[in-house]
Amino acid sequence: MSLPDPNDPARLGDRLKRAADAATPGPIDVDAVLTRSRAARRTRRTAVVSGVGAVAGVLAIAGLVLGLPGLVGPTATDGQVALESAESTSAAPEAAAGGASDDVAGSRLVAPYEVNRCGAPVAAPTDAATGPLTATVIPPAGPVPSGAVATVTVTVTNTGDMVVSGTLAATVPITIADAGITVWHSGPGGDLPAEPISLAPGESASLEATLEARSCTASDDLGGPLPDDLPPLGAGEYAVGAVVVITGDADAAVTYLVSPLVPLRVG
């Protein structure tokens, strides 16, 4: 039996027809294509929305963290507060009277007598490396009777290498502490005028201030003067410190100098 002739015209026509049928595109399932397209779009949209939600969550958390006031403050860490006064002509009198001052942004600088609040840890002393001025306290020579008033000497010294000029608040808030916790502090000062100072390197200026050997708690410290009927401090060993307010001549910056605590005996 002989093989069919590939060049047979009849068979050649059949082969061409089959080739044409194979090259013709088949019918398109439009519904299936649209379904796949919609599914792809939903996947992309879900991914975008999820990403935006994640970013929004991060921003919200950051806002909560950054918006918490009062967790870190200069009086709790550095022991020194230096802010530009909003009005240089009023900064020194206001500080001298024991009131709060404003910085250039309008934020409120805590009043010097409120740096150490009853029942709270005492502010860290000023780091001598942060500025040329330091404050020290000389306590009474002997024990202070419980409930009695005593005088201390507060000295400001220029430990830098340049002259420092400004005004020194005449009223110096005093703090008594027990194991680092404030147990008494003096209240707002009077209307004494600020004292001008100009200290060369190594020079000092001294002021006298008073303390009262009485005991206060956080419930007594509601702002302003402490109650007059505070109980006397019990006999024992305590510590005393001061907060000195200085306003610079050149820039009217108000600076709080916090002294180290020194021993104080009561009883």
C-alpha atoms as a PDB file:
ATOM      1  CA  MET A   1       0.000   0.000   0.000  1.00  0.00           C
ATOM      2  CA  SER A   2       1.501   3.319  -1.071  1.00  0.00           C
ATOM      3  CA  LEU A   3       1.653   6.445   1.160  1.00  0.00           C
ATOM      4  CA  PRO A   4      -0.636   9.397   0.271  1.00  0.00           C
ATOM      5  CA  ASP A   5       0.965  11.991  -1.855  1.00  0.00           C
ATOM      6  CA  PRO A   6       1.545  15.159   0.302  1.00  0.00           C
ATOM      7  CA  ASN A   7       1.360  17.282  -2.821  1.00  0.00           C
ATOM      8  CA  ASP A   8      -2.084  16.003  -3.727  1.00  0.00           C
ATOM      9  CA  PRO A   9      -4.179  19.176  -4.391  1.00  0.00           C
ATOM     10  CA  ALA A  10      -7.170  17.764  -2.465  1.00  0.00           C
ATOM     11  CA  ARG A  11      -5.150  16.976   0.598  1.00  0.00           C
ATOM     12  CA  LEU A  12      -3.268  20.280   0.388  1.00  0.00           C
ATOM     13  CA  GLY A  13      -6.563  22.182   0.679  1.00  0.00           C
ATOM     14  CA  ASP A  14      -7.503  20.230   3.827  1.00  0.00           C
ATOM     15  CA  ARG A  15      -4.135  21.004   5.404  1.00  0.00           C
ATOM     16  CA  LEU A  16      -4.460  24.720   4.689  1.00  0.00           C
ATOM     17  CA  LYS A  17      -7.966  24.794   6.204  1.00  0.00           C
ATOM     18  CA  ARG A  18      -6.778  23.084   9.397  1.00  0.00           C
ATOM     19  CA  ALA A  19      -3.872  25.536   9.705  1.00  0.00           C
ATOM     20  CA  ALA A  20      -6.234  28.495   9.304  1.00  0.00           C
ATOM     21  CA  ASP A  21      -8.602  27.111  11.931  1.00  0.00           C
ATOM     22  CA  ALA A  22      -5.699  26.700  14.402  1.00  0.00           C
ATOM     23  CA  ALA A  23      -4.548  30.314  13.892  1.00  0.00           C
ATOM     24  CA  THR A  24      -8.026  31.815  14.506  1.00  0.00           C
ATOM     25  CA  PRO A  25      -8.427  33.043  18.164  1.00  0.00           C
ATOM     26  CA  GLY A  26     -10.915  31.142  20.201  1.00  0.00           C
ATOM     27  CA  PRO A  27     -13.933  32.788  21.850  1.00  0.00           C
ATOM     28  CA  ILE A  28     -13.070  35.096  24.869  1.00  0.00           C
ATOM     29  CA  ASP A  29     -14.798  34.509  28.197  1.00  0.00           C
ATOM     30  CA  VAL A  30     -15.537  38.186  29.005  1.00  0.00           C
ATOM     31  CA  ASP A  31     -17.097  37.410  32.389  1.00  0.00           C
ATOM     32  CA  ALA A  32     -14.029  35.499  33.563  1.00  0.00           C
ATOM     33  CA  VAL A  33     -11.691  38.300  32.455  1.00  0.00           C
ATOM     34  CA  LEU A  34     -13.737  40.976  34.284  1.00  0.00           C
ATOM     35  CA  THR A  35     -13.885  38.840  37.417  1.00  0.00           C
ATOM     36  CA  ARG A  36     -10.091  38.427  37.463  1.00  0.00           C
ATOM     37  CA  SER A  37      -9.628  42.193  36.893  1.00  0.00           C
ATOM     38  CA  ARG A  38     -11.981  43.157  39.720  1.00  0.00           C
ATOM     39  CA  ALA A  39     -10.246  40.734  42.073  1.00  0.00           C
ATOM     40  CA  ALA A  40      -6.854  42.238  41.233  1.00  0.00           C
ATOM     41  CA  ARG A  41      -8.158  45.769  41.867  1.00  0.00           C
ATOM     42  CA  ARG A  42      -9.621  44.738  45.234  1.00  0.00           C
ATOM     43  CA  THR A  43      -6.280  43.233  46.223  1.00  0.00           C
ATOM     44  CA  ARG A  44      -4.400  46.431  45.342  1.00  0.00           C
ATOM     45  CA  ARG A  45      -6.973  48.624  47.120  1.00  0.00           C
ATOM     46  CA  THR A  46      -6.815  46.481  50.250  1.00  0.00           C
ATOM     47  CA  ALA A  47      -3.035  46.753  50.295  1.00  0.00           C
ATOM     48  CA  VAL A  48      -3.159  50.554  49.961  1.00  0.00           C
ATOM     49  CA  VAL A  49      -5.792  50.960  52.668  1.00  0.00           C
ATOM     50  CA  SER A  50      -3.852  48.694  55.000  1.00  0.00           C
ATOM     51  CA  GLY A  51      -0.705  50.735  54.419  1.00  0.00           C
ATOM     52  CA  VAL A  52      -2.482  54.024  55.161  1.00  0.00           C
ATOM     53  CA  GLY A  53      -3.954  52.546  58.313  1.00  0.00           C
ATOM     54  CA  ALA A  54      -0.525  51.465  59.483  1.00  0.00           C
ATOM     55  CA  VAL A  55       0.884  54.951  58.911  1.00  0.00           C
ATOM     56  CA  ALA A  56      -2.058  56.558  60.680  1.00  0.00           C
ATOM     57  CA  GLY A  57      -1.515  54.220  63.623  1.00  0.00           C
ATOM     58  CA  VAL A  58       2.120  55.208  63.860  1.00  0.00           C
ATOM     59  CA  LEU A  59       1.235  58.917  63.737  1.00  0.00           C
ATOM     60  CA  ALA A  60      -1.412  58.483  66.403  1.00  0.00           C
ATOM     61  CA  ILE A  61       1.004  56.667  68.695  1.00  0.00           C
ATOM     62  CA  ALA A  62       3.659  59.291  68.057  1.00  0.00           C
ATOM     63  CA  GLY A  63       1.158  62.017  68.907  1.00  0.00           C
ATOM     64  CA  LEU A  64       0.331  60.333  72.194  1.00  0.00           C
ATOM     65  CA  VAL A  65       3.987  59.995  73.103  1.00  0.00           C
ATOM     66  CA  LEU A  66       4.956  63.507  72.053  1.00  0.00           C
ATOM     67  CA  GLY A  67       1.854  65.051  73.563  1.00  0.00           C
ATOM     68  CA  LEU A  68       2.475  63.881  77.107  1.00  0.00           C
ATOM     69  CA  PRO A  69       3.363  67.009  79.091  1.00  0.00           C
ATOM     70  CA  GLY A  70       5.569  67.221  82.083  1.00  0.00           C
ATOM     71  CA  LEU A  71       7.432  63.867  81.810  1.00  0.00           C
ATOM     72  CA  VAL A  72      10.774  65.557  81.253  1.00  0.00           C
ATOM     73  CA  GLY A  73      11.496  69.028  82.593  1.00  0.00           C
ATOM     74  CA  PRO A  74      14.575  71.161  83.064  1.00  0.00           C
ATOM     75  CA  THR A  75      14.083  71.432  86.798  1.00  0.00           C
ATOM     76  CA  ALA A  76      13.924  67.663  87.088  1.00  0.00           C
ATOM     77  CA  THR A  77      17.104  66.965  85.157  1.00  0.00           C
ATOM     78  CA  ASP A  78      19.403  69.884  84.550  1.00  0.00           C
ATOM     79  CA  GLY A  79      18.686  71.898  87.667  1.00  0.00           C
ATOM     80  CA  GLN A  80      18.944  75.051  85.552  1.00  0.00           C
ATOM     81  CA  VAL A  81      16.301  76.814  83.506  1.00  0.00           C
ATOM     82  CA  ALA A  82      17.295  79.494  81.019  1.00  0.00           C
ATOM     83  CA  LEU A  83      14.551  81.009  78.887  1.00  0.00           C
ATOM     84  CA  GLU A  84      14.367  84.279  77.008  1.00  0.00           C
ATOM     85  CA  SER A  85      11.974  86.760  78.579  1.00  0.00           C
ATOM     86  CA  ALA A  86       9.026  87.897  76.469  1.00  0.00           C
ATOM     87  CA  GLU A  87       9.505  91.412  77.808  1.00  0.00           C
ATOM     88  CA  SER A  88      13.015  92.157  79.001  1.00  0.00           C
ATOM     89  CA  THR A  89      11.879  95.156  81.034  1.00  0.00           C
ATOM     90  CA  SER A  90       9.551  93.088  83.189  1.00  0.00           C
ATOM     91  CA  ALA A  91      11.522  89.862  83.558  1.00  0.00           C
ATOM     92  CA  ALA A  92      13.691  90.910  86.474  1.00  0.00           C
ATOM     93  CA  PRO A  93      10.936  92.486  88.622  1.00  0.00           C
ATOM     94  CA  GLU A  94       8.640  89.541  88.027  1.00  0.00           C
ATOM     95  CA  ALA A  95      11.313  87.032  89.005  1.00  0.00           C
ATOM     96  CA  ALA A  96      12.259  89.116  92.024  1.00  0.00           C
ATOM     97  CA  ALA A  97       8.675  88.992  93.237  1.00  0.00           C
ATOM     98  CA  GLY A  98       8.667  85.201  93.016  1.00  0.00           C
ATOM     99  CA  GLY A  99       6.245  85.046  90.102  1.00  0.00           C
ATOM    100  CA  ALA A 100       6.502  82.986  86.958  1.00  0.00           C
ATOM    101  CA  SER A 101       8.098  84.406  83.807  1.00  0.00           C
ATOM    102  CA  ASP A 102       7.294  84.039  80.102  1.00  0.00           C
ATOM    103  CA  ASP A 103       9.688  82.890  77.406  1.00  0.00           C
ATOM    104  CA  VAL A 104       9.692  84.271  73.853  1.00  0.00           C
ATOM    105  CA  ALA A 105       7.228  81.614  72.725  1.00  0.00           C
ATOM    106  CA  GLY A 106       4.817  82.552  75.502  1.00  0.00           C
ATOM    107  CA  SER A 107       5.334  79.358  77.512  1.00  0.00           C
ATOM    108  CA  ARG A 108       5.225  79.712  81.259  1.00  0.00           C
ATOM    109  CA  LEU A 109       8.357  79.305  83.369  1.00  0.00           C
ATOM    110  CA  VAL A 110       7.447  77.833  86.755  1.00  0.00           C
ATOM    111  CA  ALA A 111       7.761  80.235  89.677  1.00  0.00           C
ATOM    112  CA  PRO A 112      11.059  79.736  91.552  1.00  0.00           C
ATOM    113  CA  TYR A 113       9.361  78.779  94.812  1.00  0.00           C
ATOM    114  CA  GLU A 114       7.513  76.006  92.922  1.00  0.00           C
ATOM    115  CA  VAL A 115      10.633  74.333  91.558  1.00  0.00           C
ATOM    116  CA  ASN A 116      10.566  72.015  94.589  1.00  0.00           C
ATOM    117  CA  ARG A 117       7.034  71.020  95.578  1.00  0.00           C
ATOM    118  CA  CYS A 118       6.097  69.376  98.862  1.00  0.00           C
ATOM    119  CA  GLY A 119       6.306  65.593  98.665  1.00  0.00           C
ATOM    120  CA  ALA A 120       8.223  65.657  95.366  1.00  0.00           C
ATOM    121  CA  PRO A 121      11.901  64.905  94.687  1.00  0.00           C
ATOM    122  CA  VAL A 122      14.199  67.882  94.924  1.00  0.00           C
ATOM    123  CA  ALA A 123      15.469  69.286  91.612  1.00  0.00           C
ATOM    124  CA  ALA A 124      18.991  68.349  90.659  1.00  0.00           C
ATOM    125  CA  PRO A 125      21.593  71.054  91.292  1.00  0.00           C
ATOM    126  CA  THR A 126      22.843  73.188  88.454  1.00  0.00           C
ATOM    127  CA  ASP A 127      25.626  71.517  86.513  1.00  0.00           C
ATOM    128  CA  ALA A 128      28.645  73.815  86.710  1.00  0.00           C
ATOM    129  CA  ALA A 129      29.564  72.809  83.154  1.00  0.00           C
ATOM    130  CA  THR A 130      26.392  74.401  81.751  1.00  0.00           C
ATOM    131  CA  GLY A 131      27.190  77.977  82.760  1.00  0.00           C
ATOM    132  CA  PRO A 132      29.585  80.255  84.606  1.00  0.00           C
ATOM    133  CA  LEU A 133      27.469  80.742  87.755  1.00  0.00           C
ATOM    134  CA  THR A 134      26.899  78.399  90.685  1.00  0.00           C
ATOM    135  CA  ALA A 135      24.872  78.771  93.866  1.00  0.00           C
ATOM    136  CA  THR A 136      25.746  77.432  97.325  1.00  0.00           C
ATOM    137  CA  VAL A 137      24.054  77.570 100.710  1.00  0.00           C
ATOM    138  CA  ILE A 138      25.654  78.077 104.129  1.00  0.00           C
ATOM    139  CA  PRO A 139      23.237  76.577 106.709  1.00  0.00           C
ATOM    140  CA  PRO A 140      22.804  77.721 110.297  1.00  0.00           C
ATOM    141  CA  ALA A 141      25.799  76.906 112.452  1.00  0.00           C
ATOM    142  CA  GLY A 142      23.805  74.897 115.003  1.00  0.00           C
ATOM    143  CA  PRO A 143      20.583  72.896 115.179  1.00  0.00           C
ATOM    144  CA  VAL A 144      17.355  74.699 114.309  1.00  0.00           C
ATOM    145  CA  PRO A 145      14.559  74.139 116.852  1.00  0.00           C
ATOM    146  CA  SER A 146      11.497  72.369 115.450  1.00  0.00           C
ATOM    147  CA  GLY A 147       9.033  74.916 114.102  1.00  0.00           C
ATOM    148  CA  ALA A 148      11.543  77.775 114.391  1.00  0.00           C
ATOM    149  CA  VAL A 149      12.736  80.259 111.772  1.00  0.00           C
ATOM    150  CA  ALA A 150      16.425  80.410 110.896  1.00  0.00           C
ATOM    151  CA  THR A 151      18.659  82.336 108.497  1.00  0.00           C
ATOM    152  CA  VAL A 152      20.865  80.877 105.773  1.00  0.00           C
ATOM    153  CA  THR A 153      23.365  82.552 103.465  1.00  0.00           C
ATOM    154  CA  VAL A 154      23.119  81.956  99.727  1.00  0.00           C
ATOM    155  CA  THR A 155      26.176  82.713  97.596  1.00  0.00           C
ATOM    156  CA  VAL A 156      26.405  83.047  93.815  1.00  0.00           C
ATOM    157  CA  THR A 157      29.903  82.574  92.382  1.00  0.00           C
ATOM    158  CA  ASN A 158      31.283  83.207  88.911  1.00  0.00           C
ATOM    159  CA  THR A 159      33.325  80.103  88.124  1.00  0.00           C
ATOM    160  CA  GLY A 160      33.819  81.087  84.484  1.00  0.00           C
ATOM    161  CA  ASP A 161      36.492  83.150  82.780  1.00  0.00           C
ATOM    162  CA  MET A 162      34.407  86.198  81.775  1.00  0.00           C
ATOM    163  CA  VAL A 163      32.535  88.930  83.623  1.00  0.00           C
ATOM    164  CA  VAL A 164      28.856  88.122  84.202  1.00  0.00           C
ATOM    165  CA  SER A 165      26.399  90.995  84.640  1.00  0.00           C
ATOM    166  CA  GLY A 166      22.713  91.023  85.398  1.00  0.00           C
ATOM    167  CA  THR A 167      20.201  91.320  88.197  1.00  0.00           C
ATOM    168  CA  LEU A 168      19.830  88.984  91.161  1.00  0.00           C
ATOM    169  CA  ALA A 169      16.371  88.406  92.634  1.00  0.00           C
ATOM    170  CA  ALA A 170      16.426  89.635  96.225  1.00  0.00           C
ATOM    171  CA  THR A 171      14.074  86.884  97.400  1.00  0.00           C
ATOM    172  CA  VAL A 172      15.630  83.418  97.347  1.00  0.00           C
ATOM    173  CA  PRO A 173      13.322  80.386  97.748  1.00  0.00           C
ATOM    174  CA  ILE A 174      14.654  77.860 100.274  1.00  0.00           C
ATOM    175  CA  THR A 175      13.922  74.120 100.359  1.00  0.00           C
ATOM    176  CA  ILE A 176      14.229  71.624 103.200  1.00  0.00           C
ATOM    177  CA  ALA A 177      14.519  68.004 102.107  1.00  0.00           C
ATOM    178  CA  ASP A 178      14.462  64.611 103.786  1.00  0.00           C
ATOM    179  CA  ALA A 179      16.172  61.830 101.838  1.00  0.00           C
ATOM    180  CA  GLY A 180      15.847  63.875  98.634  1.00  0.00           C
ATOM    181  CA  ILE A 181      12.130  64.617  99.082  1.00  0.00           C
ATOM    182  CA  THR A 182      10.875  68.155  99.698  1.00  0.00           C
ATOM    183  CA  VAL A 183       9.376  68.524 103.186  1.00  0.00           C
ATOM    184  CA  TRP A 184       9.164  72.332 103.229  1.00  0.00           C
ATOM    185  CA  HIS A 185       9.802  75.269 100.921  1.00  0.00           C
ATOM    186  CA  SER A 186       9.380  78.998 101.213  1.00  0.00           C
ATOM    187  CA  GLY A 187       6.559  80.747  99.431  1.00  0.00           C
ATOM    188  CA  PRO A 188       6.274  83.688  97.048  1.00  0.00           C
ATOM    189  CA  GLY A 189       8.627  86.558  97.705  1.00  0.00           C
ATOM    190  CA  GLY A 190       7.766  90.121  98.494  1.00  0.00           C
ATOM    191  CA  ASP A 191       8.285  93.257  96.473  1.00  0.00           C
ATOM    192  CA  LEU A 192      11.988  93.641  97.150  1.00  0.00           C
ATOM    193  CA  PRO A 193      13.805  95.043  94.105  1.00  0.00           C
ATOM    194  CA  ALA A 194      16.298  92.896  92.250  1.00  0.00           C
ATOM    195  CA  GLU A 195      19.970  93.559  92.965  1.00  0.00           C
ATOM    196  CA  PRO A 196      22.288  94.429  90.037  1.00  0.00           C
ATOM    197  CA  ILE A 197      25.437  92.322  89.965  1.00  0.00           C
ATOM    198  CA  SER A 198      28.621  92.274  87.914  1.00  0.00           C
ATOM    199  CA  LEU A 199      30.869  89.379  88.846  1.00  0.00           C
ATOM    200  CA  ALA A 200      34.395  89.003  87.532  1.00  0.00           C
ATOM    201  CA  PRO A 201      35.835  85.474  87.370  1.00  0.00           C
ATOM    202  CA  GLY A 202      36.124  84.123  90.898  1.00  0.00           C
ATOM    203  CA  GLU A 203      33.923  86.832  92.467  1.00  0.00           C
ATOM    204  CA  SER A 204      30.803  86.112  94.506  1.00  0.00           C
ATOM    205  CA  ALA A 205      27.628  87.824  95.695  1.00  0.00           C
ATOM    206  CA  SER A 206      25.721  86.739  98.811  1.00  0.00           C
ATOM    207  CA  LEU A 207      22.154  87.087 100.034  1.00  0.00           C
ATOM    208  CA  GLU A 208      20.411  86.062 103.224  1.00  0.00           C
ATOM    209  CA  ALA A 209      17.234  83.982 103.241  1.00  0.00           C
ATOM    210  CA  THR A 210      15.092  82.350 105.883  1.00  0.00           C
ATOM    211  CA  LEU A 211      13.773  78.865 106.433  1.00  0.00           C
ATOM    212  CA  GLU A 212      11.114  77.485 108.730  1.00  0.00           C
ATOM    213  CA  ALA A 213      11.551  74.063 110.317  1.00  0.00           C
ATOM    214  CA  ARG A 214       8.073  72.834 109.471  1.00  0.00           C
ATOM    215  CA  SER A 215       6.711  69.885 107.519  1.00  0.00           C
ATOM    216  CA  CYS A 216       4.457  69.891 104.458  1.00  0.00           C
ATOM    217  CA  THR A 217       2.963  67.259 102.161  1.00  0.00           C
ATOM    218  CA  ALA A 218       1.666  67.330  98.606  1.00  0.00           C
ATOM    219  CA  SER A 219      -1.850  68.060  99.870  1.00  0.00           C
ATOM    220  CA  ASP A 220      -0.551  71.262 101.501  1.00  0.00           C
ATOM    221  CA  ASP A 221       1.063  72.506  98.295  1.00  0.00           C
ATOM    222  CA  LEU A 222      -1.786  73.737  96.129  1.00  0.00           C
ATOM    223  CA  GLY A 223      -0.018  76.775  94.711  1.00  0.00           C
ATOM    224  CA  GLY A 224       0.874  80.005  96.442  1.00  0.00           C
ATOM    225  CA  PRO A 225       1.955  80.199 100.082  1.00  0.00           C
ATOM    226  CA  LEU A 226       1.889  77.088 102.245  1.00  0.00           C
ATOM    227  CA  PRO A 227      -0.615  76.975 105.111  1.00  0.00           C
ATOM    228  CA  ASP A 228       0.369  78.847 108.265  1.00  0.00           C
ATOM    229  CA  ASP A 229      -0.477  75.926 110.556  1.00  0.00           C
ATOM    230  CA  LEU A 230       2.005  73.374 109.237  1.00  0.00           C
ATOM    231  CA  PRO A 231       3.309  70.982 111.904  1.00  0.00           C
ATOM    232  CA  PRO A 232       6.916  71.356 113.068  1.00  0.00           C
ATOM    233  CA  LEU A 233       9.580  69.116 111.616  1.00  0.00           C
ATOM    234  CA  GLY A 234      10.652  66.301 113.865  1.00  0.00           C
ATOM    235  CA  ALA A 235      14.158  66.373 115.256  1.00  0.00           C
ATOM    236  CA  GLY A 236      16.718  64.844 112.933  1.00  0.00           C
ATOM    237  CA  GLU A 237      19.062  65.304 110.012  1.00  0.00           C
ATOM    238  CA  TYR A 238      17.766  67.059 106.924  1.00  0.00           C
ATOM    239  CA  ALA A 239      19.179  69.003 103.980  1.00  0.00           C
ATOM    240  CA  VAL A 240      18.657  72.550 102.763  1.00  0.00           C
ATOM    241  CA  GLY A 241      19.009  74.121  99.317  1.00  0.00           C
ATOM    242  CA  ALA A 242      18.110  77.266  97.379  1.00  0.00           C
ATOM    243  CA  VAL A 243      16.866  78.427  93.975  1.00  0.00           C
ATOM    244  CA  VAL A 244      18.477  81.674  92.812  1.00  0.00           C
ATOM    245  CA  VAL A 245      16.937  83.718  90.000  1.00  0.00           C
ATOM    246  CA  ILE A 246      19.243  85.766  87.769  1.00  0.00           C
ATOM    247  CA  THR A 247      18.322  87.866  84.732  1.00  0.00           C
ATOM    248  CA  GLY A 248      21.117  88.531  82.245  1.00  0.00           C
ATOM    249  CA  ASP A 249      21.896  92.068  81.114  1.00  0.00           C
ATOM    250  CA  ALA A 250      22.802  91.189  77.534  1.00  0.00           C
ATOM    251  CA  ASP A 251      19.830  89.003  76.558  1.00  0.00           C
ATOM    252  CA  ALA A 252      17.355  89.345  79.471  1.00  0.00           C
ATOM    253  CA  ALA A 253      17.424  85.554  79.844  1.00  0.00           C
ATOM    254  CA  VAL A 254      15.975  84.375  83.153  1.00  0.00           C
ATOM    255  CA  THR A 255      18.132  81.649  84.724  1.00  0.00           C
ATOM    256  CA  TYR A 256      17.361  79.518  87.772  1.00  0.00           C
ATOM    257  CA  LEU A 257      20.426  78.362  89.690  1.00  0.00           C
ATOM    258  CA  VAL A 258      19.657  75.373  91.905  1.00  0.00           C
ATOM    259  CA  SER A 259      22.165  74.876  94.708  1.00  0.00           C
ATOM    260  CA  PRO A 260      23.356  71.506  95.969  1.00  0.00           C
ATOM    261  CA  LEU A 261      21.758  70.358  99.201  1.00  0.00           C
ATOM    262  CA  VAL A 262      23.797  70.804 102.386  1.00  0.00           C
ATOM    263  CA  PRO A 263      23.182  69.212 105.803  1.00  0.00           C
ATOM    264  CA  LEU A 264      20.706  70.798 108.201  1.00  0.00           C
ATOM    265  CA  ARG A 265      20.029  69.651 111.732  1.00  0.00           C
ATOM    266  CA  VAL A 266      16.631  70.167 113.332  1.00  0.00           C
ATOM    267  CA  GLY A 267      15.861  69.733 117.038  1.00  0.00           C
END
